[in-house]
Amino acid sequence: MPLKKIYRYLYIAIFLIFVIWMIFLDTHSLKIHNELNQEIEKLEEQKKALINIIDQDKRSLQQLSNKDSLEHFARENYGHKKENETIFYVEFEDSTGLKKLN
């Protein structure tokens, strides 16, 4: 074989080894970049969800800044009552989730 062909095959072999090294074995390989990109996308979705929750909480805080709405919220969610007041909770048969046995 002529010397030029040997150098050409050697060049191609070294180039292929370099490409394989960069794609799979290097610390900056395509595999690691792909995993990091997937993690970034997941974290961005979590960030959007948390921003939505924060916005909902801000709206709730604005609504609860009024004394009447705060009292209404406390009565509905926590069962607070005024002095000398009796609260009766009315539940319908369907709302309990129990079925009658015949």
C-alpha atoms as a PDB file:
ATOM      1  CA  MET A   1       0.000   0.000   0.000  1.00  0.00           C
ATOM      2  CA  PRO A   2       1.168   3.419  -0.717  1.00  0.00           C
ATOM      3  CA  LEU A   3       2.003   5.622   2.234  1.00  0.00           C
ATOM      4  CA  LYS A   4      -0.833   8.093   1.404  1.00  0.00           C
ATOM      5  CA  LYS A   5      -3.514   5.400   1.841  1.00  0.00           C
ATOM      6  CA  ILE A   6      -2.085   4.371   5.189  1.00  0.00           C
ATOM      7  CA  TYR A   7      -2.209   7.983   6.380  1.00  0.00           C
ATOM      8  CA  ARG A   8      -5.769   8.336   5.038  1.00  0.00           C
ATOM      9  CA  TYR A   9      -6.951   5.224   6.970  1.00  0.00           C
ATOM     10  CA  LEU A  10      -5.099   6.380  10.048  1.00  0.00           C
ATOM     11  CA  TYR A  11      -6.745   9.813   9.765  1.00  0.00           C
ATOM     12  CA  ILE A  12     -10.197   8.244   9.379  1.00  0.00           C
ATOM     13  CA  ALA A  13      -9.606   5.889  12.338  1.00  0.00           C
ATOM     14  CA  ILE A  14      -8.418   8.724  14.574  1.00  0.00           C
ATOM     15  CA  PHE A  15     -11.372  10.869  13.491  1.00  0.00           C
ATOM     16  CA  LEU A  16     -13.848   8.054  14.271  1.00  0.00           C
ATOM     17  CA  ILE A  17     -12.267   7.458  17.674  1.00  0.00           C
ATOM     18  CA  PHE A  18     -12.520  11.193  18.382  1.00  0.00           C
ATOM     19  CA  VAL A  19     -16.195  11.304  17.343  1.00  0.00           C
ATOM     20  CA  ILE A  20     -17.067   8.256  19.456  1.00  0.00           C
ATOM     21  CA  TRP A  21     -15.181   9.756  22.394  1.00  0.00           C
ATOM     22  CA  MET A  22     -17.018  13.090  22.102  1.00  0.00           C
ATOM     23  CA  ILE A  23     -20.459  11.506  21.708  1.00  0.00           C
ATOM     24  CA  PHE A  24     -20.309   8.862  24.425  1.00  0.00           C
ATOM     25  CA  LEU A  25     -17.291   9.062  26.712  1.00  0.00           C
ATOM     26  CA  ASP A  26     -16.441  12.721  27.323  1.00  0.00           C
ATOM     27  CA  THR A  27     -17.757  14.651  30.323  1.00  0.00           C
ATOM     28  CA  HIS A  28     -19.482  16.981  27.861  1.00  0.00           C
ATOM     29  CA  SER A  29     -20.967  14.186  25.772  1.00  0.00           C
ATOM     30  CA  LEU A  30     -24.248  14.405  23.907  1.00  0.00           C
ATOM     31  CA  LYS A  31     -25.802  11.904  26.312  1.00  0.00           C
ATOM     32  CA  ILE A  32     -25.106  14.125  29.310  1.00  0.00           C
ATOM     33  CA  HIS A  33     -26.320  17.212  27.437  1.00  0.00           C
ATOM     34  CA  ASN A  34     -29.538  15.416  26.570  1.00  0.00           C
ATOM     35  CA  GLU A  35     -30.099  14.386  30.201  1.00  0.00           C
ATOM     36  CA  LEU A  36     -29.428  17.930  31.391  1.00  0.00           C
ATOM     37  CA  ASN A  37     -31.824  19.380  28.815  1.00  0.00           C
ATOM     38  CA  GLN A  38     -34.561  17.012  29.991  1.00  0.00           C
ATOM     39  CA  GLU A  39     -33.949  18.025  33.590  1.00  0.00           C
ATOM     40  CA  ILE A  40     -34.096  21.705  32.616  1.00  0.00           C
ATOM     41  CA  GLU A  41     -37.445  21.184  30.897  1.00  0.00           C
ATOM     42  CA  LYS A  42     -38.819  19.373  33.963  1.00  0.00           C
ATOM     43  CA  LEU A  43     -37.635  22.155  36.267  1.00  0.00           C
ATOM     44  CA  GLU A  44     -39.152  24.830  34.017  1.00  0.00           C
ATOM     45  CA  GLU A  45     -42.511  23.030  34.164  1.00  0.00           C
ATOM     46  CA  GLN A  46     -42.253  22.913  37.955  1.00  0.00           C
ATOM     47  CA  LYS A  47     -41.401  26.615  37.971  1.00  0.00           C
ATOM     48  CA  LYS A  48     -44.507  27.433  35.907  1.00  0.00           C
ATOM     49  CA  ALA A  49     -46.691  25.377  38.244  1.00  0.00           C
ATOM     50  CA  LEU A  50     -45.230  27.096  41.307  1.00  0.00           C
ATOM     51  CA  ILE A  51     -45.706  30.525  39.731  1.00  0.00           C
ATOM     52  CA  ASN A  52     -49.378  29.663  39.144  1.00  0.00           C
ATOM     53  CA  ILE A  53     -49.742  28.603  42.787  1.00  0.00           C
ATOM     54  CA  ILE A  54     -48.088  31.842  43.935  1.00  0.00           C
ATOM     55  CA  ASP A  55     -50.449  33.888  41.760  1.00  0.00           C
ATOM     56  CA  GLN A  56     -53.461  32.067  43.203  1.00  0.00           C
ATOM     57  CA  ASP A  57     -52.183  32.700  46.727  1.00  0.00           C
ATOM     58  CA  LYS A  58     -51.655  36.399  45.963  1.00  0.00           C
ATOM     59  CA  ARG A  59     -55.239  36.651  44.709  1.00  0.00           C
ATOM     60  CA  SER A  60     -56.479  34.881  47.843  1.00  0.00           C
ATOM     61  CA  LEU A  61     -54.511  37.272  50.049  1.00  0.00           C
ATOM     62  CA  GLN A  62     -55.975  40.260  48.238  1.00  0.00           C
ATOM     63  CA  GLN A  63     -59.463  38.887  48.729  1.00  0.00           C
ATOM     64  CA  LEU A  64     -58.825  38.164  52.401  1.00  0.00           C
ATOM     65  CA  SER A  65     -57.578  41.684  53.109  1.00  0.00           C
ATOM     66  CA  ASN A  66     -61.234  42.701  53.571  1.00  0.00           C
ATOM     67  CA  LYS A  67     -62.608  41.862  57.046  1.00  0.00           C
ATOM     68  CA  ASP A  68     -65.933  40.554  55.716  1.00  0.00           C
ATOM     69  CA  SER A  69     -64.299  38.210  53.227  1.00  0.00           C
ATOM     70  CA  LEU A  70     -61.862  37.014  55.906  1.00  0.00           C
ATOM     71  CA  GLU A  71     -64.760  36.188  58.213  1.00  0.00           C
ATOM     72  CA  HIS A  72     -66.591  34.431  55.376  1.00  0.00           C
ATOM     73  CA  PHE A  73     -63.462  32.369  54.585  1.00  0.00           C
ATOM     74  CA  ALA A  74     -62.951  31.402  58.232  1.00  0.00           C
ATOM     75  CA  ARG A  75     -66.584  30.341  58.588  1.00  0.00           C
ATOM     76  CA  GLU A  76     -66.611  28.200  55.457  1.00  0.00           C
ATOM     77  CA  ASN A  77     -63.232  26.534  55.759  1.00  0.00           C
ATOM     78  CA  TYR A  78     -62.512  26.356  59.460  1.00  0.00           C
ATOM     79  CA  GLY A  79     -65.976  26.333  61.053  1.00  0.00           C
ATOM     80  CA  HIS A  80     -65.484  29.536  63.032  1.00  0.00           C
ATOM     81  CA  LYS A  81     -68.572  31.041  64.594  1.00  0.00           C
ATOM     82  CA  LYS A  82     -69.653  34.128  66.441  1.00  0.00           C
ATOM     83  CA  GLU A  83     -70.435  34.140  70.148  1.00  0.00           C
ATOM     84  CA  ASN A  84     -73.820  32.676  71.079  1.00  0.00           C
ATOM     85  CA  GLU A  85     -74.188  31.195  67.630  1.00  0.00           C
ATOM     86  CA  THR A  86     -75.001  27.585  66.807  1.00  0.00           C
ATOM     87  CA  ILE A  87     -74.050  26.112  63.470  1.00  0.00           C
ATOM     88  CA  PHE A  88     -75.844  23.129  61.983  1.00  0.00           C
ATOM     89  CA  TYR A  89     -74.221  21.189  59.184  1.00  0.00           C
ATOM     90  CA  VAL A  90     -76.748  19.683  56.803  1.00  0.00           C
ATOM     91  CA  GLU A  91     -75.648  16.709  54.769  1.00  0.00           C
ATOM     92  CA  PHE A  92     -77.775  14.981  52.212  1.00  0.00           C
ATOM     93  CA  GLU A  93     -77.812  11.204  51.834  1.00  0.00           C
ATOM     94  CA  ASP A  94     -75.990  11.365  48.513  1.00  0.00           C
ATOM     95  CA  SER A  95     -73.185  13.524  49.876  1.00  0.00           C
ATOM     96  CA  THR A  96     -72.079  11.020  52.538  1.00  0.00           C
ATOM     97  CA  GLY A  97     -71.081   8.429  49.966  1.00  0.00           C
ATOM     98  CA  LEU A  98     -72.772   5.603  51.886  1.00  0.00           C
ATOM     99  CA  LYS A  99     -75.289   3.385  50.192  1.00  0.00           C
ATOM    100  CA  LYS A 100     -78.303   1.871  51.895  1.00  0.00           C
ATOM    101  CA  LEU A 101     -78.362  -1.891  52.063  1.00  0.00           C
ATOM    102  CA  ASN A 102     -81.781  -3.442  51.358  1.00  0.00           C
END
